[in-house]
Amino acid sequence: MSEVTVDGHRLGLADAEEIIFRNARVKVSAQALETLKRTQEILSRAVEDERPIYGVNTGLGKLSTIRIGKEDLRTLQRNLVRSHATAVGAPLPREAVRGVLLFRVNSLIKGFSGVRAEVVNLLVEMLNRGVHPVIPEQGSVGSSGDLAPLAHVALVLLGEGKALYKGEVLPGGEALRRAELEPLGELYPKEGLALLNGTAYMLSLVFLGYVLGRRAFRAGLSAAALSFQALRGRTEPLDPRIHDVRPHPGQREVAAIMRECLSGSELVDTYQDDVQDPYSLRCLPQILGPVLETLWLVEGRLRVEMNSATDNPLVFPDGVVLSGGNFHGEILAFAAEWLALALAELAASCERRISLLLSAGDRGLPPFLAQEGGVNSGLMLLQYTAASLVGENRVLAHPAAADSIPTSAGKEDHNSFGATSAWKLRRIAENTIRAVALELVCARWAVEFVGAAKLSPATKRIYEKLRDLIPPPGEDRYLGDTIEEVGRLVREGELGYEF
């Protein structure tokens, strides 16, 4: 198993993917641990000086005017965790929980949060040993940090709450014990607030949406290339001269990818009855190019956020403790909404090509790709399912970030609702993966009818994978498990154009 060293400054997308999806081990750099020690000492001196510090020796939210005595500082942190663990709903999936743990660790070890190394080390060992806190998915308004969901993580550090360990949901303390770990027992000043007051929940879900969206996009390019050939599409719209005079980078890139994918095909440009194809073929670069550019845009936001200090207040090396708002999730809300809309459009384009494949009698394909149509329905219902997914995506693409509900008696008067945006993104990404899988199934059957031997070399490889998974056209049969398996391979990044 691979190992990734994190230091709070240089965590990359590929490394995060290895840790979250492939269980790579995490190691914190020695320099980062030393920085934690220095910052914790600075915070301890500030506490001894009895300077008012939000959430350390004051109450929280609207209660920030109340001073807390020295004898109650650790009690405040414990009570903060317990009182804020009010999230509800279904538990986050394992990958999302791993993302929450990783991103909270990488933020804390930047050295501006004032936590002890013991806190970080326990979070890291929970990642490495597979102790995954049970985090209900609803409860964050995307500002003040993801308070409610992250409180469920902090509970496990105290030996409370619940955690999933080796497939079993256990009390937090028992899960730690079975993994040969000890709970913290108590939290020092600011440690409870530092664990809760960050963007790790939003960030994890946006990261998942990005990774799954990129995998769906890669597989979607291959599905489109197969469908293009099965429908004997015209390659004229891919001519680089067209895209050079409207030089959006994503559009040009997708046009170049499609030219490469279709090079050497004996099927393209063989339909002569119409000089223009439908938009879902003819405008592939103009439709999917913006999806690619959105993925690039979100990549940049993720790289910054993954390596940022996002709690409040922040402790600086010169002894200054500053209160601010780095916990506010507006940028993640926007990134989630951008990508959600882009992936919804990717799924919509898949559905349109599925519809074309099932109704292209003029291009030599039998209705619904059925042999002996009538007694057999072929793949008729795949378009129904795709339409259902696309319809759901349209509802989910409505921006949660377009409005705000104040909290804490109005002290927190503008919330991002980025957690809702991120949750929607993940759902749309999963739906899009399934829509791509449905197009791949349809394309595999359609290619069978027009002749797989005529495919371009670049698409023959993926077609052969699909042929091994998907039975050929024939008597109607149950295809549910096949569709699920194709979706699983798309989700895991095993199908798709490499770029």
Protein backbone atom coordinates (compact mmCIF):
# COMPACT_ATOMS: atom_id res chain seq x y z
CA MET A 1 0.00 0.00 0.00
CA SER A 2 1.35 3.39 -0.97
CA GLU A 3 2.02 6.19 1.53
CA VAL A 4 1.47 9.93 1.10
CA THR A 5 3.24 12.51 3.26
CA VAL A 6 1.16 15.61 3.99
CA ASP A 7 2.41 18.95 5.30
CA GLY A 8 -0.56 21.30 4.98
CA HIS A 9 0.82 23.02 1.90
CA ARG A 10 1.31 20.62 -1.01
CA LEU A 11 -1.51 18.09 -1.00
CA GLY A 12 -2.32 17.36 -4.65
CA LEU A 13 -5.45 16.05 -6.33
CA ALA A 14 -3.84 12.75 -7.29
CA ASP A 15 -2.55 12.13 -3.76
CA ALA A 16 -5.96 12.94 -2.28
CA GLU A 17 -7.56 10.50 -4.70
CA GLU A 18 -5.09 7.79 -3.65
CA ILE A 19 -5.90 8.30 0.04
CA ILE A 20 -9.66 8.64 -0.31
CA PHE A 21 -10.42 6.05 -2.98
CA ARG A 22 -7.49 3.62 -2.73
CA ASN A 23 -6.68 3.71 0.98
CA ALA A 24 -3.12 5.01 0.68
CA ARG A 25 -1.56 5.54 4.11
CA VAL A 26 -1.06 9.06 5.43
CA LYS A 27 2.06 10.38 7.16
CA VAL A 28 2.44 13.88 8.56
CA SER A 29 5.77 15.56 7.90
CA ALA A 30 8.03 16.11 10.90
CA GLN A 31 8.23 19.82 10.13
CA ALA A 32 4.43 20.13 10.25
CA LEU A 33 4.33 18.42 13.64
CA GLU A 34 6.97 20.80 14.95
CA THR A 35 4.94 23.76 13.68
CA LEU A 36 1.91 22.43 15.56
CA LYS A 37 3.90 22.40 18.77
CA ARG A 38 5.05 26.02 18.36
CA THR A 39 1.56 27.28 17.54
CA GLN A 40 0.01 25.45 20.46
CA GLU A 41 2.54 27.08 22.78
CA ILE A 42 1.66 30.53 21.37
CA LEU A 43 -2.03 29.90 21.99
CA SER A 44 -1.34 28.66 25.53
CA ARG A 45 0.51 31.89 26.35
CA ALA A 46 -2.35 33.96 24.94
CA VAL A 47 -4.78 32.06 27.16
CA GLU A 48 -2.59 32.64 30.20
CA ASP A 49 -2.57 36.36 29.45
CA GLU A 50 -6.38 36.22 29.57
CA ARG A 51 -6.77 37.99 26.25
CA PRO A 52 -10.33 37.54 24.96
CA ILE A 53 -10.18 34.96 22.16
CA TYR A 54 -13.33 33.85 20.40
CA GLY A 55 -14.33 30.28 21.20
CA VAL A 56 -11.36 29.84 23.53
CA ASN A 57 -12.37 31.94 26.52
CA THR A 58 -15.64 33.32 25.15
CA GLY A 59 -18.95 31.76 24.22
CA LEU A 60 -19.86 30.92 20.66
CA GLY A 61 -21.97 32.62 17.99
CA LYS A 62 -24.38 35.08 19.59
CA LEU A 63 -22.88 34.11 22.98
CA SER A 64 -19.45 35.50 22.06
CA THR A 65 -19.84 38.39 24.56
CA ILE A 66 -19.75 35.94 27.49
CA ARG A 67 -16.30 35.37 29.03
CA ILE A 68 -15.36 31.89 30.19
CA GLY A 69 -13.19 31.35 33.27
CA LYS A 70 -9.91 29.43 33.08
CA GLU A 71 -11.35 26.55 35.05
CA ASP A 72 -13.99 25.95 32.36
CA LEU A 73 -11.92 26.26 29.17
CA ARG A 74 -11.59 22.53 28.53
CA THR A 75 -15.20 21.93 29.53
CA LEU A 76 -16.21 24.51 26.91
CA GLN A 77 -14.46 22.53 24.16
CA ARG A 78 -16.03 19.23 25.19
CA ASN A 79 -19.47 20.79 25.49
CA LEU A 80 -19.04 22.46 22.12
CA VAL A 81 -18.50 19.10 20.44
CA ARG A 82 -21.43 17.44 22.19
CA SER A 83 -23.90 20.27 21.67
CA HIS A 84 -23.05 20.74 18.00
CA ALA A 85 -23.37 17.07 16.99
CA THR A 86 -26.92 17.52 15.72
CA ALA A 87 -26.62 16.41 12.07
CA VAL A 88 -29.35 14.14 10.75
CA GLY A 89 -30.02 11.91 7.75
CA ALA A 90 -28.24 9.04 6.06
CA PRO A 91 -24.57 8.44 6.92
CA LEU A 92 -22.00 9.81 4.51
CA PRO A 93 -20.42 7.16 2.27
CA ARG A 94 -17.02 5.85 3.23
CA GLU A 95 -15.15 7.86 0.58
CA ALA A 96 -16.68 11.11 1.78
CA VAL A 97 -15.75 10.35 5.40
CA ARG A 98 -12.16 9.64 4.39
CA GLY A 99 -12.12 12.97 2.58
CA VAL A 100 -13.39 14.77 5.67
CA LEU A 101 -10.63 13.24 7.81
CA LEU A 102 -7.89 13.95 5.26
CA PHE A 103 -8.87 17.54 4.57
CA ARG A 104 -9.28 18.37 8.26
CA VAL A 105 -5.81 16.95 8.95
CA ASN A 106 -4.19 18.89 6.13
CA SER A 107 -5.80 22.14 7.25
CA LEU A 108 -4.83 21.70 10.90
CA ILE A 109 -1.18 20.91 10.14
CA LYS A 110 -0.68 24.21 8.37
CA GLY A 111 -0.04 25.39 11.92
CA PHE A 112 -2.59 28.17 12.39
CA SER A 113 -5.17 26.29 14.44
CA GLY A 114 -3.48 25.84 17.80
CA VAL A 115 -4.15 22.12 18.21
CA ARG A 116 -1.79 19.56 19.69
CA ALA A 117 -0.02 16.94 17.59
CA GLU A 118 -2.01 14.30 19.51
CA VAL A 119 -5.21 15.51 17.86
CA VAL A 120 -3.76 15.28 14.37
CA ASN A 121 -2.09 11.94 15.02
CA LEU A 122 -5.36 10.37 16.13
CA LEU A 123 -7.16 11.65 13.02
CA VAL A 124 -4.37 10.23 10.84
CA GLU A 125 -4.45 6.84 12.54
CA MET A 126 -8.22 6.70 12.16
CA LEU A 127 -7.66 7.17 8.42
CA ASN A 128 -4.88 4.60 8.27
CA ARG A 129 -6.68 1.96 10.34
CA GLY A 130 -10.12 2.46 8.83
CA VAL A 131 -12.00 3.95 11.77
CA HIS A 132 -14.60 6.02 9.95
CA PRO A 133 -16.91 8.21 12.05
CA VAL A 134 -20.60 7.95 11.23
CA ILE A 135 -21.40 11.42 9.87
CA PRO A 136 -25.06 12.20 9.08
CA GLU A 137 -25.20 14.07 5.79
CA GLN A 138 -27.61 16.91 6.71
CA GLY A 139 -27.04 19.78 9.12
CA SER A 140 -24.41 22.15 7.76
CA VAL A 141 -25.33 25.59 6.41
CA GLY A 142 -21.86 25.95 4.90
CA SER A 143 -20.60 28.74 7.16
CA SER A 144 -19.02 28.87 10.62
CA GLY A 145 -17.53 25.73 9.19
CA ASP A 146 -19.43 22.49 8.75
CA LEU A 147 -20.21 22.55 12.44
CA ALA A 148 -22.80 19.82 12.85
CA PRO A 149 -21.25 17.13 10.59
CA LEU A 150 -17.72 17.76 11.87
CA ALA A 151 -18.92 17.52 15.48
CA HIS A 152 -19.72 13.86 14.78
CA VAL A 153 -16.06 13.36 13.85
CA ALA A 154 -14.84 15.10 16.98
CA LEU A 155 -17.11 12.94 19.16
CA VAL A 156 -15.21 9.83 18.08
CA LEU A 157 -11.91 11.45 19.06
CA LEU A 158 -13.38 11.75 22.56
CA GLY A 159 -14.41 8.09 22.53
CA GLU A 160 -18.05 9.00 21.96
CA GLY A 161 -20.39 9.01 18.95
CA LYS A 162 -20.34 6.17 16.43
CA ALA A 163 -17.83 4.85 13.92
CA LEU A 164 -17.73 2.23 11.19
CA TYR A 165 -14.89 -0.24 11.66
CA LYS A 166 -14.43 -3.35 9.52
CA GLY A 167 -18.01 -3.21 8.33
CA GLU A 168 -19.59 -2.78 11.78
CA VAL A 169 -21.08 0.37 13.30
CA LEU A 170 -19.74 0.64 16.85
CA PRO A 171 -19.67 3.16 19.68
CA GLY A 172 -16.77 5.51 18.98
CA GLY A 173 -14.69 4.35 21.94
CA GLU A 174 -15.13 0.68 21.03
CA ALA A 175 -14.16 1.31 17.40
CA LEU A 176 -10.96 3.03 18.58
CA ARG A 177 -10.23 0.20 21.03
CA ARG A 178 -10.58 -2.46 18.34
CA ALA A 179 -8.20 -0.48 16.13
CA GLU A 180 -5.77 -0.28 19.11
CA LEU A 181 -6.20 3.47 19.47
CA GLU A 182 -6.89 5.58 22.55
CA PRO A 183 -9.40 8.46 22.63
CA LEU A 184 -8.15 11.90 23.56
CA GLY A 185 -10.17 12.00 26.76
CA GLU A 186 -10.28 15.79 26.78
CA LEU A 187 -9.72 18.71 24.44
CA TYR A 188 -7.41 21.63 25.15
CA PRO A 189 -8.50 25.25 24.56
CA LYS A 190 -9.66 25.80 20.96
CA GLU A 191 -9.25 22.16 19.91
CA GLY A 192 -12.97 21.44 19.78
CA LEU A 193 -13.61 24.60 17.79
CA ALA A 194 -10.69 23.85 15.45
CA LEU A 195 -12.12 20.41 14.68
CA LEU A 196 -15.58 21.78 13.91
CA ASN A 197 -14.88 25.19 12.42
CA GLY A 198 -13.65 24.23 8.93
CA THR A 199 -14.86 23.36 5.44
CA ALA A 200 -13.83 19.69 5.31
CA TYR A 201 -17.36 18.33 4.82
CA MET A 202 -18.13 20.63 1.88
CA LEU A 203 -14.67 20.14 0.46
CA SER A 204 -14.87 16.35 0.65
CA LEU A 205 -18.18 16.23 -1.22
CA VAL A 206 -17.00 18.69 -3.88
CA PHE A 207 -13.83 16.63 -4.30
CA LEU A 208 -15.90 13.45 -4.69
CA GLY A 209 -18.11 15.21 -7.23
CA TYR A 210 -15.02 16.33 -9.13
CA VAL A 211 -13.37 12.88 -9.19
CA LEU A 212 -16.58 11.07 -10.15
CA GLY A 213 -17.43 13.80 -12.64
CA ARG A 214 -14.04 13.53 -14.31
CA ARG A 215 -14.41 9.77 -14.57
CA ALA A 216 -17.90 10.17 -16.01
CA PHE A 217 -16.54 12.71 -18.51
CA ARG A 218 -13.76 10.37 -19.64
CA ALA A 219 -16.19 7.50 -20.14
CA GLY A 220 -18.69 9.89 -21.72
CA LEU A 221 -16.18 10.80 -24.41
CA SER A 222 -15.76 7.13 -25.27
CA ALA A 223 -19.52 6.56 -25.27
CA ALA A 224 -20.01 9.55 -27.56
CA ALA A 225 -17.33 8.29 -29.94
CA LEU A 226 -18.98 4.86 -30.16
CA SER A 227 -22.44 6.37 -30.64
CA PHE A 228 -21.06 8.76 -33.27
CA GLN A 229 -19.81 5.80 -35.30
CA ALA A 230 -22.92 3.68 -34.79
CA LEU A 231 -24.95 6.62 -36.13
CA ARG A 232 -22.47 7.14 -39.01
CA GLY A 233 -21.99 10.77 -38.00
CA ARG A 234 -20.34 13.47 -40.08
CA THR A 235 -16.84 14.51 -38.97
CA GLU A 236 -16.91 17.87 -40.75
CA PRO A 237 -18.02 19.68 -37.52
CA LEU A 238 -14.80 18.46 -35.85
CA ASP A 239 -12.56 20.24 -38.37
CA PRO A 240 -9.99 22.27 -36.39
CA ARG A 241 -10.59 25.31 -38.59
CA ILE A 242 -14.08 25.61 -37.12
CA HIS A 243 -12.77 25.59 -33.56
CA ASP A 244 -9.80 27.83 -34.26
CA VAL A 245 -12.16 30.69 -35.03
CA ARG A 246 -13.99 30.19 -31.71
CA PRO A 247 -10.97 29.16 -29.67
CA HIS A 248 -12.41 28.20 -26.30
CA PRO A 249 -9.80 25.79 -24.87
CA GLY A 250 -12.27 23.10 -23.82
CA GLN A 251 -14.07 23.15 -27.14
CA ARG A 252 -10.81 22.82 -29.04
CA GLU A 253 -9.65 20.02 -26.74
CA VAL A 254 -12.84 18.00 -27.12
CA ALA A 255 -12.79 18.44 -30.89
CA ALA A 256 -9.19 17.19 -30.95
CA ILE A 257 -10.07 14.21 -28.73
CA MET A 258 -13.00 13.27 -30.95
CA ARG A 259 -10.84 13.50 -34.07
CA GLU A 260 -8.33 11.17 -32.44
CA CYS A 261 -11.03 8.77 -31.24
CA LEU A 262 -12.65 8.58 -34.69
CA SER A 263 -9.48 8.44 -36.77
CA GLY A 264 -9.48 5.39 -39.03
CA SER A 265 -13.17 4.62 -38.60
CA GLU A 266 -14.93 3.13 -41.61
CA LEU A 267 -18.33 4.11 -40.24
CA VAL A 268 -18.16 7.89 -39.99
CA ASP A 269 -19.24 10.04 -42.94
CA THR A 270 -21.22 7.18 -44.50
CA TYR A 271 -24.70 8.62 -43.92
CA GLN A 272 -25.43 10.83 -46.92
CA ASP A 273 -29.14 11.62 -46.59
CA ASP A 274 -28.62 14.81 -44.56
CA VAL A 275 -25.84 17.41 -44.56
CA GLN A 276 -26.12 18.05 -40.80
CA ASP A 277 -26.38 15.71 -37.81
CA PRO A 278 -28.42 16.45 -34.67
CA TYR A 279 -26.75 18.70 -32.10
CA SER A 280 -25.82 15.85 -29.75
CA LEU A 281 -23.40 14.69 -32.46
CA ARG A 282 -22.63 17.83 -34.42
CA CYS A 283 -22.07 20.07 -31.38
CA LEU A 284 -20.15 17.63 -29.20
CA PRO A 285 -17.18 20.03 -28.80
CA GLN A 286 -19.48 22.94 -27.99
CA ILE A 287 -21.49 20.86 -25.45
CA LEU A 288 -18.73 18.88 -23.76
CA GLY A 289 -16.00 21.52 -24.06
CA PRO A 290 -17.62 23.69 -21.36
CA VAL A 291 -17.91 20.60 -19.13
CA LEU A 292 -14.16 20.07 -19.46
CA GLU A 293 -13.46 23.74 -18.75
CA THR A 294 -15.64 23.54 -15.64
CA LEU A 295 -13.65 20.55 -14.42
CA TRP A 296 -10.46 22.59 -14.93
CA LEU A 297 -11.97 25.53 -13.06
CA VAL A 298 -13.02 23.38 -10.11
CA GLU A 299 -9.58 21.74 -10.02
CA GLY A 300 -8.04 25.13 -9.29
CA ARG A 301 -10.47 25.88 -6.45
CA LEU A 302 -9.86 22.44 -4.94
CA ARG A 303 -6.09 22.83 -4.97
CA VAL A 304 -6.36 26.08 -3.01
CA GLU A 305 -8.99 24.90 -0.53
CA MET A 306 -7.26 21.57 0.19
CA ASN A 307 -4.20 23.47 1.41
CA SER A 308 -5.92 26.28 3.34
CA ALA A 309 -6.47 27.11 6.99
CA THR A 310 -10.25 27.33 7.35
CA ASP A 311 -11.06 27.57 11.06
CA ASN A 312 -11.45 30.58 13.33
CA PRO A 313 -9.69 32.23 15.06
CA LEU A 314 -6.25 31.68 13.55
CA VAL A 315 -2.99 31.72 15.51
CA PHE A 316 0.03 33.34 13.82
CA PRO A 317 3.74 32.83 14.56
CA ASP A 318 4.16 36.38 15.89
CA GLY A 319 1.69 35.66 18.68
CA VAL A 320 -1.26 37.45 17.09
CA VAL A 321 -4.60 35.65 17.20
CA LEU A 322 -7.02 36.91 14.55
CA SER A 323 -10.72 36.27 14.15
CA GLY A 324 -12.04 36.13 10.60
CA GLY A 325 -14.21 34.09 8.26
CA ASN A 326 -12.12 31.50 6.40
CA PHE A 327 -14.75 28.94 7.38
CA HIS A 328 -17.27 30.51 4.99
CA GLY A 329 -18.05 28.13 2.14
CA GLU A 330 -19.13 30.50 -0.62
CA ILE A 331 -16.32 29.54 -2.98
CA LEU A 332 -17.06 25.83 -2.51
CA ALA A 333 -20.77 26.50 -2.97
CA PHE A 334 -20.07 28.20 -6.28
CA ALA A 335 -17.67 25.45 -7.40
CA ALA A 336 -20.26 22.80 -6.55
CA GLU A 337 -23.01 24.61 -8.43
CA TRP A 338 -20.79 25.17 -11.50
CA LEU A 339 -19.85 21.51 -11.68
CA ALA A 340 -23.35 20.26 -10.88
CA LEU A 341 -24.74 22.15 -13.88
CA ALA A 342 -21.92 20.94 -16.13
CA LEU A 343 -22.41 17.28 -15.18
CA ALA A 344 -26.17 17.60 -15.55
CA GLU A 345 -25.54 18.70 -19.14
CA LEU A 346 -23.16 15.78 -19.72
CA ALA A 347 -25.92 13.39 -18.61
CA ALA A 348 -28.47 15.21 -20.76
CA SER A 349 -26.29 14.82 -23.84
CA CYS A 350 -25.99 11.08 -23.12
CA GLU A 351 -29.77 10.76 -22.97
CA ARG A 352 -30.15 12.50 -26.34
CA ARG A 353 -27.67 10.17 -28.02
CA ILE A 354 -29.41 7.17 -26.43
CA SER A 355 -32.65 8.42 -27.96
CA LEU A 356 -30.95 8.75 -31.35
CA LEU A 357 -29.53 5.23 -31.16
CA LEU A 358 -32.96 3.80 -30.36
CA SER A 359 -34.75 5.63 -33.17
CA ALA A 360 -32.27 5.70 -36.06
CA GLY A 361 -34.05 3.52 -38.57
CA ASP A 362 -32.93 5.86 -41.35
CA ARG A 363 -29.32 5.16 -40.38
CA GLY A 364 -29.64 1.40 -40.50
CA LEU A 365 -30.41 0.62 -36.87
CA PRO A 366 -33.53 -1.36 -35.90
CA PRO A 367 -36.05 0.41 -33.65
CA PHE A 368 -34.91 0.25 -30.01
CA LEU A 369 -32.03 -1.96 -31.21
CA ALA A 370 -34.39 -4.92 -30.95
CA GLN A 371 -34.14 -8.05 -33.05
CA GLU A 372 -37.67 -9.01 -34.09
CA GLY A 373 -39.16 -5.84 -32.65
CA GLY A 374 -42.61 -6.31 -31.21
CA VAL A 375 -42.05 -9.60 -29.50
CA ASN A 376 -38.83 -7.99 -28.24
CA SER A 377 -38.58 -4.43 -26.84
CA GLY A 378 -34.80 -4.27 -27.06
CA LEU A 379 -33.33 -1.35 -25.12
CA MET A 380 -36.45 0.82 -25.21
CA LEU A 381 -36.53 1.30 -21.44
CA LEU A 382 -32.93 2.45 -21.16
CA GLN A 383 -34.00 5.81 -22.53
CA TYR A 384 -36.76 5.97 -19.89
CA THR A 385 -34.21 5.42 -17.16
CA ALA A 386 -31.85 7.98 -18.65
CA ALA A 387 -34.70 10.48 -18.87
CA SER A 388 -35.47 9.85 -15.19
CA LEU A 389 -31.86 10.55 -14.21
CA VAL A 390 -31.74 13.69 -16.32
CA GLY A 391 -35.04 14.90 -14.87
CA GLU A 392 -33.72 14.46 -11.34
CA ASN A 393 -30.52 16.27 -12.24
CA ARG A 394 -32.52 19.24 -13.53
CA VAL A 395 -34.19 19.60 -10.13
CA LEU A 396 -30.92 19.16 -8.25
CA ALA A 397 -29.11 21.70 -10.45
CA HIS A 398 -31.18 24.51 -8.94
CA PRO A 399 -28.59 26.49 -6.94
CA ALA A 400 -28.75 26.15 -3.18
CA ALA A 401 -26.19 28.96 -3.07
CA ALA A 402 -28.74 31.45 -4.42
CA ASP A 403 -30.25 32.14 -0.99
CA SER A 404 -29.30 32.29 2.68
CA ILE A 405 -30.99 31.68 6.03
CA PRO A 406 -29.38 33.47 9.02
CA THR A 407 -28.38 31.47 12.10
CA SER A 408 -27.27 32.10 15.71
CA ALA A 409 -29.89 34.78 16.35
CA GLY A 410 -28.69 36.74 13.32
CA LYS A 411 -25.02 36.89 14.31
CA GLU A 412 -24.33 34.60 11.36
CA ASP A 413 -26.50 36.51 8.92
CA HIS A 414 -25.25 35.16 5.59
CA ASN A 415 -24.63 31.45 5.14
CA SER A 416 -23.35 29.87 1.95
CA PHE A 417 -25.41 26.67 1.97
CA GLY A 418 -22.37 25.16 0.29
CA ALA A 419 -22.96 21.87 2.08
CA THR A 420 -26.27 21.52 0.26
CA SER A 421 -24.61 22.53 -3.01
CA ALA A 422 -21.93 19.88 -2.46
CA TRP A 423 -24.45 17.21 -1.50
CA LYS A 424 -26.42 17.90 -4.69
CA LEU A 425 -23.25 17.73 -6.75
CA ARG A 426 -22.40 14.28 -5.47
CA ARG A 427 -25.91 13.03 -6.30
CA ILE A 428 -25.73 14.54 -9.80
CA ALA A 429 -22.29 12.97 -10.35
CA GLU A 430 -23.65 9.52 -9.44
CA ASN A 431 -26.64 10.02 -11.75
CA THR A 432 -24.34 11.11 -14.56
CA ILE A 433 -22.18 8.02 -14.17
CA ARG A 434 -25.31 5.92 -14.62
CA ALA A 435 -26.41 7.93 -17.67
CA VAL A 436 -22.99 7.37 -19.26
CA ALA A 437 -23.25 3.65 -18.48
CA LEU A 438 -26.64 3.50 -20.20
CA GLU A 439 -25.21 5.11 -23.34
CA LEU A 440 -22.32 2.65 -23.33
CA VAL A 441 -24.77 -0.27 -23.21
CA CYS A 442 -26.78 1.18 -26.10
CA ALA A 443 -23.65 1.93 -28.10
CA ARG A 444 -22.36 -1.62 -27.66
CA TRP A 445 -25.57 -3.02 -29.20
CA ALA A 446 -25.71 -0.42 -31.93
CA VAL A 447 -22.12 -1.11 -32.99
CA GLU A 448 -22.97 -4.81 -33.21
CA PHE A 449 -25.57 -3.98 -35.85
CA VAL A 450 -23.32 -1.73 -37.99
CA GLY A 451 -20.15 -3.81 -37.70
CA ALA A 452 -17.54 -3.65 -34.95
CA ALA A 453 -14.77 -4.42 -37.43
CA LYS A 454 -15.30 -0.96 -38.93
CA LEU A 455 -14.65 0.90 -35.68
CA SER A 456 -11.69 3.21 -35.29
CA PRO A 457 -8.63 1.66 -33.62
CA ALA A 458 -8.97 4.00 -30.63
CA THR A 459 -12.53 2.88 -29.86
CA LYS A 460 -12.10 -0.83 -30.60
CA ARG A 461 -10.33 -1.27 -27.26
CA ILE A 462 -13.20 0.05 -25.17
CA TYR A 463 -15.73 -1.75 -27.36
CA GLU A 464 -13.98 -5.04 -26.66
CA LYS A 465 -14.25 -4.37 -22.92
CA LEU A 466 -17.94 -3.65 -23.31
CA ARG A 467 -18.46 -6.75 -25.46
CA ASP A 468 -17.05 -8.87 -22.64
CA LEU A 469 -19.47 -7.28 -20.16
CA ILE A 470 -22.66 -6.81 -22.19
CA PRO A 471 -24.42 -9.65 -24.02
CA PRO A 472 -25.14 -9.11 -27.72
CA PRO A 473 -28.52 -8.10 -29.13
CA GLY A 474 -31.04 -10.90 -29.21
CA GLU A 475 -33.98 -12.20 -27.22
CA ASP A 476 -35.01 -9.79 -24.45
CA ARG A 477 -33.25 -10.54 -21.18
CA TYR A 478 -32.63 -8.97 -17.80
CA LEU A 479 -29.81 -6.42 -18.06
CA GLY A 480 -29.98 -4.76 -14.63
CA ASP A 481 -26.85 -6.40 -13.25
CA THR A 482 -24.98 -5.66 -16.49
CA ILE A 483 -25.91 -1.99 -16.32
CA GLU A 484 -24.77 -1.85 -12.70
CA GLU A 485 -21.44 -3.45 -13.58
CA VAL A 486 -20.79 -1.01 -16.41
CA GLY A 487 -21.68 1.84 -14.03
CA ARG A 488 -19.29 0.47 -11.44
CA LEU A 489 -16.42 0.43 -13.94
CA VAL A 490 -17.20 3.98 -15.02
CA ARG A 491 -17.29 5.05 -11.36
CA GLU A 492 -13.95 3.41 -10.65
CA GLY A 493 -12.33 5.02 -13.68
CA GLU A 494 -11.84 1.73 -15.53
CA LEU A 495 -13.65 2.84 -18.69
CA GLY A 496 -12.92 5.96 -20.65
CA TYR A 497 -10.58 8.03 -22.77
CA GLU A 498 -7.27 8.86 -21.11
CA PHE A 499 -6.35 12.54 -21.21
